[in-house]
């Protein structure tokens, strides 16, 4: 599981790959369409797509002569579950805690 999480988080660490995932939220896209908005070579985009594929975040398939990319919606579930484990603790509201202490301890100023 950790290796899979490592791959997912490494893939998500790059802003270009996050942008690609956002684009694929809308619909499947041909590799050339994925590359279009970026100012980089098709080879560079292909490397990003390979990393996303290895992490299981997208799937690539050939349809005729065109290679298509598709988001795998369940791919981030392990990472999401892992991150949710850190959400079990409520954030501390320091202002409310200070007010609580003032009430409980009383104002000790002279």
N, C-alpha and C. Protein backbone atom coordinates (compact mmCIF):
# COMPACT_ATOMS: atom_id res chain seq x y z
N UNK A 1 0.83 -1.20 0.00
CA UNK A 1 0.00 0.00 0.00
C UNK A 1 0.86 1.25 0.00
N UNK A 2 1.95 1.26 0.78
CA UNK A 2 2.77 2.46 0.85
C UNK A 2 3.39 2.78 -0.50
N UNK A 3 3.82 1.76 -1.25
CA UNK A 3 4.39 2.02 -2.55
C UNK A 3 3.37 2.70 -3.46
N UNK A 4 2.14 2.23 -3.40
CA UNK A 4 1.07 2.83 -4.21
C UNK A 4 0.84 4.27 -3.78
N UNK A 5 0.79 4.51 -2.47
CA UNK A 5 0.63 5.88 -1.98
C UNK A 5 1.80 6.76 -2.41
N UNK A 6 3.00 6.21 -2.35
CA UNK A 6 4.18 6.96 -2.79
C UNK A 6 4.03 7.39 -4.25
N UNK A 7 3.58 6.46 -5.08
CA UNK A 7 3.40 6.77 -6.50
C UNK A 7 2.33 7.84 -6.71
N UNK A 8 1.23 7.73 -5.99
CA UNK A 8 0.14 8.70 -6.12
C UNK A 8 0.60 10.08 -5.68
N UNK A 9 1.21 10.16 -4.50
CA UNK A 9 1.63 11.47 -4.01
C UNK A 9 2.75 12.06 -4.86
N UNK A 10 3.65 11.22 -5.36
CA UNK A 10 4.70 11.73 -6.25
C UNK A 10 4.08 12.28 -7.54
N UNK A 11 3.08 11.58 -8.06
CA UNK A 11 2.41 12.05 -9.27
C UNK A 11 1.68 13.36 -9.02
N UNK A 12 1.07 13.48 -7.86
CA UNK A 12 0.31 14.70 -7.54
C UNK A 12 1.21 15.87 -7.17
N UNK A 13 2.47 15.62 -6.96
CA UNK A 13 3.37 16.69 -6.52
C UNK A 13 3.70 17.69 -7.62
N UNK A 14 3.43 17.35 -8.85
CA UNK A 14 3.78 18.21 -9.97
C UNK A 14 2.56 19.01 -10.45
N UNK A 15 2.68 20.33 -10.59
CA UNK A 15 1.53 21.15 -11.02
C UNK A 15 1.01 20.81 -12.41
N UNK A 16 1.90 20.40 -13.32
CA UNK A 16 1.44 20.02 -14.66
C UNK A 16 0.56 18.79 -14.59
N UNK A 17 0.97 17.81 -13.79
CA UNK A 17 0.17 16.59 -13.67
C UNK A 17 -1.17 16.88 -12.99
N UNK A 18 -1.17 17.76 -12.00
CA UNK A 18 -2.45 18.13 -11.37
C UNK A 18 -3.36 18.83 -12.37
N UNK A 19 -2.78 19.67 -13.22
CA UNK A 19 -3.58 20.35 -14.25
C UNK A 19 -4.15 19.35 -15.24
N UNK A 20 -3.36 18.35 -15.59
CA UNK A 20 -3.86 17.31 -16.51
C UNK A 20 -5.03 16.57 -15.88
N UNK A 21 -4.91 16.21 -14.62
CA UNK A 21 -6.01 15.53 -13.93
C UNK A 21 -7.26 16.39 -13.91
N UNK A 22 -7.10 17.68 -13.68
CA UNK A 22 -8.24 18.59 -13.67
C UNK A 22 -8.91 18.62 -15.04
N UNK A 23 -8.10 18.63 -16.09
CA UNK A 23 -8.66 18.62 -17.45
C UNK A 23 -9.44 17.33 -17.70
N UNK A 24 -8.93 16.22 -17.20
CA UNK A 24 -9.58 14.93 -17.44
C UNK A 24 -10.82 14.72 -16.60
N UNK A 25 -11.05 15.62 -15.63
CA UNK A 25 -12.31 15.56 -14.88
C UNK A 25 -13.49 15.81 -15.80
N UNK A 26 -13.28 16.62 -16.82
CA UNK A 26 -14.35 16.98 -17.75
C UNK A 26 -14.74 15.82 -18.67
N UNK A 27 -13.71 15.18 -19.26
CA UNK A 27 -13.99 14.12 -20.23
C UNK A 27 -12.68 13.44 -20.61
N UNK A 28 -12.77 12.30 -21.27
CA UNK A 28 -11.60 11.64 -21.83
C UNK A 28 -11.00 12.59 -22.88
N UNK A 29 -9.69 12.51 -23.04
CA UNK A 29 -9.03 13.39 -24.00
C UNK A 29 -7.95 12.63 -24.75
N UNK A 30 -7.77 12.99 -26.01
CA UNK A 30 -6.65 12.47 -26.78
C UNK A 30 -5.37 13.09 -26.24
N UNK A 31 -4.28 12.36 -26.32
CA UNK A 31 -3.00 12.85 -25.81
C UNK A 31 -2.65 14.20 -26.42
N UNK A 32 -2.90 14.36 -27.70
CA UNK A 32 -2.57 15.64 -28.35
C UNK A 32 -3.40 16.78 -27.79
N UNK A 33 -4.65 16.50 -27.41
CA UNK A 33 -5.50 17.53 -26.80
C UNK A 33 -5.03 17.86 -25.39
N UNK A 34 -4.55 16.84 -24.68
CA UNK A 34 -4.01 17.07 -23.34
C UNK A 34 -2.80 18.00 -23.45
N UNK A 35 -1.96 17.76 -24.43
CA UNK A 35 -0.72 18.52 -24.60
C UNK A 35 -0.96 19.96 -25.05
N UNK A 36 -2.06 20.19 -25.74
CA UNK A 36 -2.31 21.48 -26.40
C UNK A 36 -2.13 22.71 -25.51
N UNK A 37 -2.71 22.76 -24.30
CA UNK A 37 -2.60 24.00 -23.51
C UNK A 37 -1.22 24.22 -22.86
N UNK A 38 -0.35 23.24 -22.92
CA UNK A 38 0.93 23.35 -22.23
C UNK A 38 2.03 23.78 -23.20
N UNK A 39 2.93 24.58 -22.69
CA UNK A 39 4.06 25.05 -23.49
C UNK A 39 5.24 24.09 -23.29
N UNK A 40 5.05 22.86 -23.74
CA UNK A 40 6.11 21.85 -23.66
C UNK A 40 5.90 20.84 -24.78
N UNK A 41 6.91 20.04 -25.02
CA UNK A 41 6.85 19.08 -26.12
C UNK A 41 5.87 17.95 -25.81
N UNK A 42 5.47 17.28 -26.87
CA UNK A 42 4.59 16.12 -26.72
C UNK A 42 5.31 15.02 -25.93
N UNK A 43 6.63 14.92 -26.11
CA UNK A 43 7.41 13.92 -25.36
C UNK A 43 7.37 14.22 -23.86
N UNK A 44 7.44 15.49 -23.49
CA UNK A 44 7.38 15.87 -22.07
C UNK A 44 6.01 15.55 -21.49
N UNK A 45 4.96 15.85 -22.25
CA UNK A 45 3.60 15.51 -21.79
C UNK A 45 3.46 14.01 -21.66
N UNK A 46 4.01 13.26 -22.59
CA UNK A 46 3.94 11.79 -22.52
C UNK A 46 4.60 11.26 -21.26
N UNK A 47 5.69 11.88 -20.84
CA UNK A 47 6.34 11.46 -19.59
C UNK A 47 5.42 11.71 -18.39
N UNK A 48 4.76 12.87 -18.39
CA UNK A 48 3.81 13.16 -17.31
C UNK A 48 2.67 12.14 -17.31
N UNK A 49 2.17 11.81 -18.51
CA UNK A 49 1.08 10.84 -18.61
C UNK A 49 1.52 9.45 -18.16
N UNK A 50 2.76 9.10 -18.43
CA UNK A 50 3.29 7.80 -17.98
C UNK A 50 3.33 7.75 -16.46
N UNK A 51 3.75 8.82 -15.82
CA UNK A 51 3.79 8.88 -14.36
C UNK A 51 2.38 8.76 -13.79
N UNK A 52 1.43 9.47 -14.38
CA UNK A 52 0.03 9.39 -13.92
C UNK A 52 -0.54 7.99 -14.11
N UNK A 53 -0.16 7.33 -15.21
CA UNK A 53 -0.62 5.97 -15.49
C UNK A 53 -0.03 4.99 -14.49
N UNK A 54 1.27 5.10 -14.23
CA UNK A 54 1.92 4.19 -13.26
C UNK A 54 1.32 4.34 -11.87
N UNK A 55 0.91 5.55 -11.54
CA UNK A 55 0.30 5.79 -10.23
C UNK A 55 -1.14 5.30 -10.20
N UNK A 56 -1.68 4.93 -11.36
CA UNK A 56 -3.05 4.45 -11.44
C UNK A 56 -4.09 5.55 -11.48
N UNK A 57 -3.65 6.79 -11.66
CA UNK A 57 -4.58 7.92 -11.66
C UNK A 57 -5.31 8.08 -12.98
N UNK A 58 -4.69 7.63 -14.06
CA UNK A 58 -5.34 7.65 -15.37
C UNK A 58 -5.10 6.33 -16.06
N UNK A 59 -5.91 6.11 -17.08
CA UNK A 59 -5.73 4.95 -17.96
C UNK A 59 -5.56 5.51 -19.36
N UNK A 60 -4.71 4.85 -20.13
CA UNK A 60 -4.53 5.24 -21.53
C UNK A 60 -4.95 4.07 -22.40
N UNK A 61 -5.63 4.37 -23.48
CA UNK A 61 -6.04 3.32 -24.41
C UNK A 61 -5.97 3.86 -25.82
N UNK A 62 -5.71 2.96 -26.72
CA UNK A 62 -5.63 3.33 -28.12
C UNK A 62 -6.98 3.11 -28.77
N UNK A 63 -7.46 4.14 -29.43
CA UNK A 63 -8.71 4.04 -30.20
C UNK A 63 -8.35 4.40 -31.63
N UNK A 64 -8.23 3.39 -32.45
CA UNK A 64 -7.75 3.63 -33.81
C UNK A 64 -6.29 4.05 -33.75
N UNK A 65 -6.00 5.19 -34.32
CA UNK A 65 -4.62 5.71 -34.30
C UNK A 65 -4.35 6.64 -33.13
N UNK A 66 -5.38 6.96 -32.40
CA UNK A 66 -5.27 7.99 -31.36
C UNK A 66 -5.20 7.35 -29.98
N UNK A 67 -4.28 7.85 -29.16
CA UNK A 67 -4.16 7.39 -27.78
C UNK A 67 -4.98 8.34 -26.91
N UNK A 68 -5.88 7.76 -26.12
CA UNK A 68 -6.78 8.54 -25.26
C UNK A 68 -6.40 8.36 -23.80
N UNK A 69 -6.69 9.39 -23.03
CA UNK A 69 -6.46 9.37 -21.59
C UNK A 69 -7.79 9.48 -20.88
N UNK A 70 -7.93 8.71 -19.83
CA UNK A 70 -9.17 8.69 -19.07
C UNK A 70 -8.83 8.70 -17.59
N UNK A 71 -9.49 9.55 -16.84
CA UNK A 71 -9.29 9.61 -15.40
C UNK A 71 -9.85 8.35 -14.76
N UNK A 72 -9.12 7.78 -13.81
CA UNK A 72 -9.62 6.64 -13.05
C UNK A 72 -10.13 7.18 -11.72
N UNK A 73 -11.44 7.36 -11.58
CA UNK A 73 -11.98 8.06 -10.41
C UNK A 73 -11.72 7.38 -9.08
N UNK A 74 -11.53 6.08 -9.07
CA UNK A 74 -11.29 5.40 -7.81
C UNK A 74 -9.83 5.35 -7.41
N UNK A 75 -8.98 5.86 -8.25
CA UNK A 75 -7.54 5.72 -8.04
C UNK A 75 -7.03 6.47 -6.82
N UNK A 76 -7.67 7.53 -6.45
CA UNK A 76 -7.20 8.32 -5.30
C UNK A 76 -7.84 7.89 -3.99
N UNK A 77 -8.62 6.83 -4.01
CA UNK A 77 -9.34 6.44 -2.80
C UNK A 77 -8.39 6.08 -1.65
N UNK A 78 -7.32 5.34 -1.94
CA UNK A 78 -6.37 5.00 -0.87
C UNK A 78 -5.74 6.24 -0.28
N UNK A 79 -5.35 7.16 -1.15
CA UNK A 79 -4.73 8.40 -0.68
C UNK A 79 -5.74 9.23 0.11
N UNK A 80 -6.98 9.24 -0.35
CA UNK A 80 -8.03 9.98 0.35
C UNK A 80 -8.29 9.41 1.73
N UNK A 81 -8.36 8.08 1.82
CA UNK A 81 -8.58 7.42 3.11
C UNK A 81 -7.41 7.73 4.05
N UNK A 82 -6.20 7.67 3.51
CA UNK A 82 -5.01 7.96 4.32
C UNK A 82 -5.06 9.39 4.85
N UNK A 83 -5.41 10.34 3.99
CA UNK A 83 -5.46 11.75 4.41
C UNK A 83 -6.59 12.00 5.40
N UNK A 84 -7.71 11.31 5.24
CA UNK A 84 -8.84 11.50 6.14
C UNK A 84 -8.50 11.08 7.56
N UNK A 85 -7.55 10.18 7.71
CA UNK A 85 -7.11 9.77 9.03
C UNK A 85 -6.57 10.94 9.84
N UNK A 86 -6.06 11.95 9.15
CA UNK A 86 -5.54 13.12 9.84
C UNK A 86 -6.64 14.13 10.15
N UNK A 87 -7.83 13.90 9.63
CA UNK A 87 -8.94 14.81 9.86
C UNK A 87 -9.73 14.48 11.11
N UNK A 88 -9.31 13.46 11.85
CA UNK A 88 -10.07 13.03 13.02
C UNK A 88 -9.95 14.01 14.17
N UNK A 89 -8.96 14.88 14.12
CA UNK A 89 -8.77 15.85 15.19
C UNK A 89 -9.29 17.20 14.74
N UNK A 90 -10.15 17.78 15.55
CA UNK A 90 -10.67 19.09 15.21
C UNK A 90 -9.57 20.13 15.39
N UNK A 91 -9.51 21.11 14.51
CA UNK A 91 -8.52 22.17 14.70
C UNK A 91 -8.83 22.95 15.97
N UNK A 92 -7.81 23.36 16.64
CA UNK A 92 -7.99 24.09 17.89
C UNK A 92 -8.27 25.55 17.58
N UNK A 93 -9.36 26.04 18.14
CA UNK A 93 -9.67 27.46 18.01
C UNK A 93 -9.02 28.16 19.20
N UNK A 94 -7.90 28.81 18.95
CA UNK A 94 -7.13 29.39 20.04
C UNK A 94 -7.87 30.53 20.74
N UNK A 95 -8.67 31.29 20.01
CA UNK A 95 -9.44 32.37 20.64
C UNK A 95 -10.46 31.81 21.62
N UNK A 96 -11.15 30.76 21.22
CA UNK A 96 -12.13 30.13 22.11
C UNK A 96 -11.43 29.51 23.32
N UNK A 97 -10.26 28.91 23.09
CA UNK A 97 -9.52 28.31 24.19
C UNK A 97 -9.07 29.39 25.18
N UNK A 98 -8.65 30.53 24.66
CA UNK A 98 -8.23 31.64 25.53
C UNK A 98 -9.41 32.14 26.37
N UNK A 99 -10.58 32.27 25.74
CA UNK A 99 -11.78 32.70 26.48
C UNK A 99 -12.14 31.68 27.56
N UNK A 100 -12.03 30.39 27.23
CA UNK A 100 -12.31 29.34 28.19
C UNK A 100 -11.37 29.46 29.39
N UNK A 101 -10.10 29.66 29.13
CA UNK A 101 -9.12 29.79 30.22
C UNK A 101 -9.41 31.01 31.08
N UNK A 102 -9.81 32.11 30.46
CA UNK A 102 -10.12 33.32 31.22
C UNK A 102 -11.30 33.08 32.15
N UNK A 103 -12.29 32.35 31.68
CA UNK A 103 -13.47 32.07 32.50
C UNK A 103 -13.09 31.10 33.62
N UNK A 104 -12.38 30.03 33.26
CA UNK A 104 -12.05 29.00 34.24
C UNK A 104 -11.04 29.48 35.30
N UNK A 105 -10.08 30.24 34.86
CA UNK A 105 -9.01 30.67 35.78
C UNK A 105 -9.30 32.04 36.38
N UNK A 106 -10.27 32.73 35.82
CA UNK A 106 -10.55 34.08 36.30
C UNK A 106 -9.48 35.02 35.82
N UNK A 107 -9.76 36.27 35.92
CA UNK A 107 -8.78 37.27 35.52
C UNK A 107 -7.82 37.47 36.66
N UNK A 108 -6.57 37.08 36.49
CA UNK A 108 -5.58 37.15 37.55
C UNK A 108 -4.76 38.44 37.48
N UNK A 109 -5.20 39.38 36.69
CA UNK A 109 -4.42 40.63 36.63
C UNK A 109 -4.68 41.45 37.89
N UNK A 110 -3.66 42.20 38.37
CA UNK A 110 -3.78 42.94 39.65
C UNK A 110 -4.76 44.07 39.58
